Amino acid sequence: MVMGFSIALIVFSALLMLLVLMHKGKGGGLSDMFGGGMQSSVGGSSVAERNLDRITVVVGLLWFACIVVLGLLMKLDG
């Protein structure tokens, strides 16, 4: 069971990294250094950006849940 949650944690970690890197830079941070600050957003966020935000939050919550469950399993086993 611990092995399954460890594999899930690795998958969620990689997915979370990719999702965060796909976000559009809002400016004022490291995204400006890589050219993200060149574009100006006139309107609000698009539907795709909002969906990307939602997916990122869900994957982040699943990642956190995996860490909590793994911690509890390791505490109970050891």
PDB file of N, CA and C in Angstrom:
ATOM      1  N   MET A   1       0.818  -1.192   0.000  1.00  0.00           N
ATOM      2  CA  MET A   1       0.000   0.000   0.000  1.00  0.00           C
ATOM      3  C   MET A   1       0.861   1.253   0.000  1.00  0.00           C
ATOM      4  N   VAL A   2       1.965   1.193   0.772  1.00  0.00           N
ATOM      5  CA  VAL A   2       2.877   2.333   0.811  1.00  0.00           C
ATOM      6  C   VAL A   2       3.494   2.543  -0.571  1.00  0.00           C
ATOM      7  N   MET A   3       3.805   1.443  -1.244  1.00  0.00           N
ATOM      8  CA  MET A   3       4.407   1.543  -2.578  1.00  0.00           C
ATOM      9  C   MET A   3       3.447   2.210  -3.562  1.00  0.00           C
ATOM     10  N   GLY A   4       2.174   1.882  -3.470  1.00  0.00           N
ATOM     11  CA  GLY A   4       1.181   2.484  -4.362  1.00  0.00           C
ATOM     12  C   GLY A   4       1.056   3.986  -4.151  1.00  0.00           C
ATOM     13  N   PHE A   5       1.021   4.400  -2.876  1.00  0.00           N
ATOM     14  CA  PHE A   5       0.937   5.835  -2.591  1.00  0.00           C
ATOM     15  C   PHE A   5       2.236   6.551  -2.940  1.00  0.00           C
ATOM     16  N   SER A   6       3.373   5.855  -2.837  1.00  0.00           N
ATOM     17  CA  SER A   6       4.646   6.466  -3.236  1.00  0.00           C
ATOM     18  C   SER A   6       4.682   6.711  -4.743  1.00  0.00           C
ATOM     19  N   ILE A   7       4.192   5.746  -5.493  1.00  0.00           N
ATOM     20  CA  ILE A   7       4.145   5.915  -6.947  1.00  0.00           C
ATOM     21  C   ILE A   7       3.172   7.029  -7.317  1.00  0.00           C
ATOM     22  N   ALA A   8       2.017   7.066  -6.638  1.00  0.00           N
ATOM     23  CA  ALA A   8       1.042   8.133  -6.897  1.00  0.00           C
ATOM     24  C   ALA A   8       1.640   9.494  -6.570  1.00  0.00           C
ATOM     25  N   LEU A   9       2.424   9.571  -5.499  1.00  0.00           N
ATOM     26  CA  LEU A   9       3.053  10.834  -5.123  1.00  0.00           C
ATOM     27  C   LEU A   9       4.043  11.298  -6.182  1.00  0.00           C
ATOM     28  N   ILE A  10       4.795  10.367  -6.745  1.00  0.00           N
ATOM     29  CA  ILE A  10       5.745  10.717  -7.806  1.00  0.00           C
ATOM     30  C   ILE A  10       5.002  11.221  -9.043  1.00  0.00           C
ATOM     31  N   VAL A  11       3.918  10.530  -9.395  1.00  0.00           N
ATOM     32  CA  VAL A  11       3.137  10.934 -10.574  1.00  0.00           C
ATOM     33  C   VAL A  11       2.502  12.300 -10.355  1.00  0.00           C
ATOM     34  N   PHE A  12       1.900  12.516  -9.171  1.00  0.00           N
ATOM     35  CA  PHE A  12       1.277  13.811  -8.880  1.00  0.00           C
ATOM     36  C   PHE A  12       2.315  14.926  -8.815  1.00  0.00           C
ATOM     37  N   SER A  13       3.517  14.628  -8.320  1.00  0.00           N
ATOM     38  CA  SER A  13       4.567  15.641  -8.258  1.00  0.00           C
ATOM     39  C   SER A  13       4.986  16.085  -9.659  1.00  0.00           C
ATOM     40  N   ALA A  14       5.200  15.115 -10.546  1.00  0.00           N
ATOM     41  CA  ALA A  14       5.585  15.447 -11.912  1.00  0.00           C
ATOM     42  C   ALA A  14       4.467  16.211 -12.623  1.00  0.00           C
ATOM     43  N   LEU A  15       3.235  15.777 -12.428  1.00  0.00           N
ATOM     44  CA  LEU A  15       2.095  16.446 -13.051  1.00  0.00           C
ATOM     45  C   LEU A  15       1.934  17.863 -12.519  1.00  0.00           C
ATOM     46  N   LEU A  16       2.142  18.045 -11.219  1.00  0.00           N
ATOM     47  CA  LEU A  16       2.026  19.372 -10.621  1.00  0.00           C
ATOM     48  C   LEU A  16       3.107  20.311 -11.151  1.00  0.00           C
ATOM     49  N   MET A  17       4.313  19.795 -11.336  1.00  0.00           N
ATOM     50  CA  MET A  17       5.380  20.624 -11.917  1.00  0.00           C
ATOM     51  C   MET A  17       5.013  21.076 -13.325  1.00  0.00           C
ATOM     52  N   LEU A  18       4.512  20.154 -14.134  1.00  0.00           N
ATOM     53  CA  LEU A  18       4.142  20.502 -15.503  1.00  0.00           C
ATOM     54  C   LEU A  18       3.006  21.520 -15.531  1.00  0.00           C
ATOM     55  N   LEU A  19       2.021  21.338 -14.656  1.00  0.00           N
ATOM     56  CA  LEU A  19       0.889  22.260 -14.632  1.00  0.00           C
ATOM     57  C   LEU A  19       1.318  23.655 -14.192  1.00  0.00           C
ATOM     58  N   VAL A  20       2.189  23.748 -13.208  1.00  0.00           N
ATOM     59  CA  VAL A  20       2.662  25.054 -12.756  1.00  0.00           C
ATOM     60  C   VAL A  20       3.477  25.729 -13.851  1.00  0.00           C
ATOM     61  N   LEU A  21       4.285  24.970 -14.560  1.00  0.00           N
ATOM     62  CA  LEU A  21       5.084  25.557 -15.635  1.00  0.00           C
ATOM     63  C   LEU A  21       4.230  25.999 -16.821  1.00  0.00           C
ATOM     64  N   MET A  22       3.051  25.413 -16.979  1.00  0.00           N
ATOM     65  CA  MET A  22       2.177  25.800 -18.084  1.00  0.00           C
ATOM     66  C   MET A  22       1.450  27.115 -17.831  1.00  0.00           C
ATOM     67  N   HIS A  23       1.405  27.562 -16.568  1.00  0.00           N
ATOM     68  CA  HIS A  23       0.698  28.799 -16.257  1.00  0.00           C
ATOM     69  C   HIS A  23       1.370  30.003 -16.905  1.00  0.00           C
ATOM     70  N   LYS A  24       0.542  30.942 -17.257  1.00  0.00           N
ATOM     71  CA  LYS A  24       1.017  32.183 -17.842  1.00  0.00           C
ATOM     72  C   LYS A  24       1.587  33.066 -16.730  1.00  0.00           C
ATOM     73  N   GLY A  25       2.724  33.694 -16.995  1.00  0.00           N
ATOM     74  CA  GLY A  25       3.343  34.551 -15.998  1.00  0.00           C
ATOM     75  C   GLY A  25       2.518  35.799 -15.746  1.00  0.00           C
ATOM     76  N   LYS A  26       2.380  36.158 -14.493  1.00  0.00           N
ATOM     77  CA  LYS A  26       1.603  37.341 -14.133  1.00  0.00           C
ATOM     78  C   LYS A  26       2.483  38.593 -14.039  1.00  0.00           C
ATOM     79  N   GLY A  27       3.773  38.436 -14.146  1.00  0.00           N
ATOM     80  CA  GLY A  27       4.680  39.583 -14.099  1.00  0.00           C
ATOM     81  C   GLY A  27       5.211  39.828 -12.703  1.00  0.00           C
ATOM     82  N   GLY A  28       6.374  40.458 -12.646  1.00  0.00           N
ATOM     83  CA  GLY A  28       6.952  40.820 -11.378  1.00  0.00           C
ATOM     84  C   GLY A  28       7.727  39.710 -10.713  1.00  0.00           C
ATOM     85  N   GLY A  29       7.915  38.599 -11.369  1.00  0.00           N
ATOM     86  CA  GLY A  29       8.639  37.494 -10.758  1.00  0.00           C
ATOM     87  C   GLY A  29       9.663  36.910 -11.709  1.00  0.00           C
ATOM     88  N   LEU A  30       9.962  35.662 -11.503  1.00  0.00           N
ATOM     89  CA  LEU A  30      10.940  34.999 -12.349  1.00  0.00           C
ATOM     90  C   LEU A  30      10.444  34.824 -13.774  1.00  0.00           C
ATOM     91  N   SER A  31       9.131  34.897 -13.978  1.00  0.00           N
ATOM     92  CA  SER A  31       8.607  34.742 -15.336  1.00  0.00           C
ATOM     93  C   SER A  31       9.052  35.893 -16.230  1.00  0.00           C
ATOM     94  N   ASP A  32       9.310  37.072 -15.648  1.00  0.00           N
ATOM     95  CA  ASP A  32       9.814  38.195 -16.442  1.00  0.00           C
ATOM     96  C   ASP A  32      11.207  37.905 -16.993  1.00  0.00           C
ATOM     97  N   MET A  33      11.991  37.171 -16.230  1.00  0.00           N
ATOM     98  CA  MET A  33      13.344  36.884 -16.651  1.00  0.00           C
ATOM     99  C   MET A  33      13.359  36.011 -17.902  1.00  0.00           C
ATOM    100  N   PHE A  34      12.359  35.184 -18.074  1.00  0.00           N
ATOM    101  CA  PHE A  34      12.294  34.289 -19.219  1.00  0.00           C
ATOM    102  C   PHE A  34      11.382  34.811 -20.322  1.00  0.00           C
ATOM    103  N   GLY A  35      11.013  36.058 -20.281  1.00  0.00           N
ATOM    104  CA  GLY A  35      10.209  36.649 -21.342  1.00  0.00           C
ATOM    105  C   GLY A  35       8.722  36.625 -21.093  1.00  0.00           C
ATOM    106  N   GLY A  36       8.282  36.185 -19.931  1.00  0.00           N
ATOM    107  CA  GLY A  36       6.854  36.114 -19.632  1.00  0.00           C
ATOM    108  C   GLY A  36       6.233  37.484 -19.429  1.00  0.00           C
ATOM    109  N   GLY A  37       7.045  38.485 -19.095  1.00  0.00           N
ATOM    110  CA  GLY A  37       6.516  39.812 -18.844  1.00  0.00           C
ATOM    111  C   GLY A  37       6.326  40.638 -20.090  1.00  0.00           C
ATOM    112  N   MET A  38       6.693  40.108 -21.239  1.00  0.00           N
ATOM    113  CA  MET A  38       6.578  40.841 -22.495  1.00  0.00           C
ATOM    114  C   MET A  38       5.122  41.002 -22.921  1.00  0.00           C
ATOM    115  N   GLN A  39       4.297  40.052 -22.558  1.00  0.00           N
ATOM    116  CA  GLN A  39       2.908  40.081 -22.997  1.00  0.00           C
ATOM    117  C   GLN A  39       2.068  40.803 -21.959  1.00  0.00           C
ATOM    118  N   SER A  40       1.137  41.584 -22.425  1.00  0.00           N
ATOM    119  CA  SER A  40       0.219  42.243 -21.497  1.00  0.00           C
ATOM    120  C   SER A  40      -1.158  41.634 -21.658  1.00  0.00           C
ATOM    121  N   SER A  41      -1.789  41.342 -20.554  1.00  0.00           N
ATOM    122  CA  SER A  41      -3.136  40.772 -20.613  1.00  0.00           C
ATOM    123  C   SER A  41      -4.134  41.907 -20.452  1.00  0.00           C
ATOM    124  N   VAL A  42      -4.867  42.197 -21.520  1.00  0.00           N
ATOM    125  CA  VAL A  42      -5.826  43.290 -21.504  1.00  0.00           C
ATOM    126  C   VAL A  42      -7.102  42.861 -20.806  1.00  0.00           C
ATOM    127  N   GLY A  43      -7.587  41.679 -21.142  1.00  0.00           N
ATOM    128  CA  GLY A  43      -8.835  41.205 -20.564  1.00  0.00           C
ATOM    129  C   GLY A  43      -8.602  40.314 -19.377  1.00  0.00           C
ATOM    130  N   GLY A  44      -9.674  39.692 -18.931  1.00  0.00           N
ATOM    131  CA  GLY A  44      -9.576  38.742 -17.830  1.00  0.00           C
ATOM    132  C   GLY A  44      -8.967  37.441 -18.316  1.00  0.00           C
ATOM    133  N   SER A  45      -8.878  36.499 -17.418  1.00  0.00           N
ATOM    134  CA  SER A  45      -8.291  35.219 -17.798  1.00  0.00           C
ATOM    135  C   SER A  45      -9.266  34.443 -18.673  1.00  0.00           C
ATOM    136  N   SER A  46      -8.716  33.691 -19.593  1.00  0.00           N
ATOM    137  CA  SER A  46      -9.547  32.929 -20.522  1.00  0.00           C
ATOM    138  C   SER A  46     -10.080  31.670 -19.838  1.00  0.00           C
ATOM    139  N   VAL A  47     -10.943  30.978 -20.522  1.00  0.00           N
ATOM    140  CA  VAL A  47     -11.533  29.751 -19.995  1.00  0.00           C
ATOM    141  C   VAL A  47     -10.450  28.697 -19.801  1.00  0.00           C
ATOM    142  N   ALA A  48      -9.511  28.628 -20.739  1.00  0.00           N
ATOM    143  CA  ALA A  48      -8.434  27.641 -20.631  1.00  0.00           C
ATOM    144  C   ALA A  48      -7.572  27.903 -19.401  1.00  0.00           C
ATOM    145  N   GLU A  49      -7.290  29.167 -19.115  1.00  0.00           N
ATOM    146  CA  GLU A  49      -6.469  29.493 -17.937  1.00  0.00           C
ATOM    147  C   GLU A  49      -7.208  29.168 -16.648  1.00  0.00           C
ATOM    148  N   ARG A  50      -8.510  29.439 -16.625  1.00  0.00           N
ATOM    149  CA  ARG A  50      -9.292  29.114 -15.425  1.00  0.00           C
ATOM    150  C   ARG A  50      -9.365  27.612 -15.206  1.00  0.00           C
ATOM    151  N   ASN A  51      -9.525  26.855 -16.296  1.00  0.00           N
ATOM    152  CA  ASN A  51      -9.541  25.396 -16.174  1.00  0.00           C
ATOM    153  C   ASN A  51      -8.184  24.874 -15.728  1.00  0.00           C
ATOM    154  N   LEU A  52      -7.115  25.474 -16.239  1.00  0.00           N
ATOM    155  CA  LEU A  52      -5.771  25.086 -15.820  1.00  0.00           C
ATOM    156  C   LEU A  52      -5.575  25.373 -14.332  1.00  0.00           C
ATOM    157  N   ASP A  53      -6.105  26.494 -13.864  1.00  0.00           N
ATOM    158  CA  ASP A  53      -6.042  26.817 -12.437  1.00  0.00           C
ATOM    159  C   ASP A  53      -6.776  25.774 -11.610  1.00  0.00           C
ATOM    160  N   ARG A  54      -7.961  25.397 -12.058  1.00  0.00           N
ATOM    161  CA  ARG A  54      -8.756  24.418 -11.320  1.00  0.00           C
ATOM    162  C   ARG A  54      -8.062  23.060 -11.287  1.00  0.00           C
ATOM    163  N   ILE A  55      -7.527  22.637 -12.423  1.00  0.00           N
ATOM    164  CA  ILE A  55      -6.832  21.348 -12.480  1.00  0.00           C
ATOM    165  C   ILE A  55      -5.608  21.369 -11.581  1.00  0.00           C
ATOM    166  N   THR A  56      -4.892  22.493 -11.560  1.00  0.00           N
ATOM    167  CA  THR A  56      -3.711  22.607 -10.715  1.00  0.00           C
ATOM    168  C   THR A  56      -4.082  22.516  -9.240  1.00  0.00           C
ATOM    169  N   VAL A  57      -5.169  23.150  -8.850  1.00  0.00           N
ATOM    170  CA  VAL A  57      -5.613  23.087  -7.450  1.00  0.00           C
ATOM    171  C   VAL A  57      -6.002  21.665  -7.079  1.00  0.00           C
ATOM    172  N   VAL A  58      -6.719  20.974  -7.947  1.00  0.00           N
ATOM    173  CA  VAL A  58      -7.149  19.599  -7.665  1.00  0.00           C
ATOM    174  C   VAL A  58      -5.942  18.674  -7.541  1.00  0.00           C
ATOM    175  N   VAL A  59      -4.986  18.797  -8.470  1.00  0.00           N
ATOM    176  CA  VAL A  59      -3.791  17.957  -8.401  1.00  0.00           C
ATOM    177  C   VAL A  59      -2.976  18.298  -7.156  1.00  0.00           C
ATOM    178  N   GLY A  60      -2.922  19.572  -6.793  1.00  0.00           N
ATOM    179  CA  GLY A  60      -2.222  19.967  -5.576  1.00  0.00           C
ATOM    180  C   GLY A  60      -2.862  19.372  -4.326  1.00  0.00           C
ATOM    181  N   LEU A  61      -4.180  19.347  -4.284  1.00  0.00           N
ATOM    182  CA  LEU A  61      -4.875  18.742  -3.145  1.00  0.00           C
ATOM    183  C   LEU A  61      -4.648  17.224  -3.093  1.00  0.00           C
ATOM    184  N   LEU A  62      -4.648  16.578  -4.251  1.00  0.00           N
ATOM    185  CA  LEU A  62      -4.369  15.139  -4.292  1.00  0.00           C
ATOM    186  C   LEU A  62      -2.929  14.847  -3.862  1.00  0.00           C
ATOM    187  N   TRP A  63      -2.006  15.706  -4.264  1.00  0.00           N
ATOM    188  CA  TRP A  63      -0.604  15.584  -3.860  1.00  0.00           C
ATOM    189  C   TRP A  63      -0.481  15.696  -2.344  1.00  0.00           C
ATOM    190  N   PHE A  64      -1.159  16.672  -1.763  1.00  0.00           N
ATOM    191  CA  PHE A  64      -1.142  16.867  -0.319  1.00  0.00           C
ATOM    192  C   PHE A  64      -1.761  15.675   0.404  1.00  0.00           C
ATOM    193  N   ALA A  65      -2.871  15.162  -0.136  1.00  0.00           N
ATOM    194  CA  ALA A  65      -3.527  14.006   0.475  1.00  0.00           C
ATOM    195  C   ALA A  65      -2.614  12.775   0.448  1.00  0.00           C
ATOM    196  N   CYS A  66      -1.877  12.595  -0.642  1.00  0.00           N
ATOM    197  CA  CYS A  66      -0.935  11.472  -0.720  1.00  0.00           C
ATOM    198  C   CYS A  66       0.145  11.589   0.343  1.00  0.00           C
ATOM    199  N   ILE A  67       0.639  12.807   0.567  1.00  0.00           N
ATOM    200  CA  ILE A  67       1.673  13.006   1.581  1.00  0.00           C
ATOM    201  C   ILE A  67       1.125  12.688   2.970  1.00  0.00           C
ATOM    202  N   VAL A  68      -0.092  13.136   3.260  1.00  0.00           N
ATOM    203  CA  VAL A  68      -0.699  12.869   4.576  1.00  0.00           C
ATOM    204  C   VAL A  68      -0.917  11.370   4.771  1.00  0.00           C
ATOM    205  N   VAL A  69      -1.460  10.707   3.761  1.00  0.00           N
ATOM    206  CA  VAL A  69      -1.721   9.268   3.871  1.00  0.00           C
ATOM    207  C   VAL A  69      -0.413   8.502   4.005  1.00  0.00           C
ATOM    208  N   LEU A  70       0.602   8.876   3.244  1.00  0.00           N
ATOM    209  CA  LEU A  70       1.896   8.204   3.362  1.00  0.00           C
ATOM    210  C   LEU A  70       2.491   8.402   4.752  1.00  0.00           C
ATOM    211  N   GLY A  71       2.371   9.599   5.303  1.00  0.00           N
ATOM    212  CA  GLY A  71       2.871   9.853   6.651  1.00  0.00           C
ATOM    213  C   GLY A  71       2.153   9.003   7.685  1.00  0.00           C
ATOM    214  N   LEU A  72       0.843   8.899   7.555  1.00  0.00           N
ATOM    215  CA  LEU A  72       0.080   8.072   8.503  1.00  0.00           C
ATOM    216  C   LEU A  72       0.421   6.597   8.356  1.00  0.00           C
ATOM    217  N   LEU A  73       0.564   6.126   7.115  1.00  0.00           N
ATOM    218  CA  LEU A  73       0.914   4.721   6.906  1.00  0.00           C
ATOM    219  C   LEU A  73       2.292   4.391   7.461  1.00  0.00           C
ATOM    220  N   MET A  74       3.230   5.288   7.255  1.00  0.00           N
ATOM    221  CA  MET A  74       4.587   5.037   7.770  1.00  0.00           C
ATOM    222  C   MET A  74       4.628   5.118   9.292  1.00  0.00           C
ATOM    223  N   LYS A  75       3.804   5.970   9.872  1.00  0.00           N
ATOM    224  CA  LYS A  75       3.750   6.076  11.335  1.00  0.00           C
ATOM    225  C   LYS A  75       3.143   4.811  11.947  1.00  0.00           C
ATOM    226  N   LEU A  76       2.111   4.289  11.300  1.00  0.00           N
ATOM    227  CA  LEU A  76       1.448   3.095  11.819  1.00  0.00           C
ATOM    228  C   LEU A  76       2.283   1.822  11.590  1.00  0.00           C
ATOM    229  N   ASP A  77       3.052   1.780  10.501  1.00  0.00           N
ATOM    230  CA  ASP A  77       3.871   0.604  10.205  1.00  0.00           C
ATOM    231  C   ASP A  77       5.111   0.553  11.091  1.00  0.00           C
ATOM    232  N   GLY A  78       5.687   1.721  11.369  1.00  0.00           N
ATOM    233  CA  GLY A  78       6.970   1.718  12.083  1.00  0.00           C
ATOM    234  C   GLY A  78       6.781   1.973  13.516  1.00  0.00           C
TER     235      GLY A  78
END
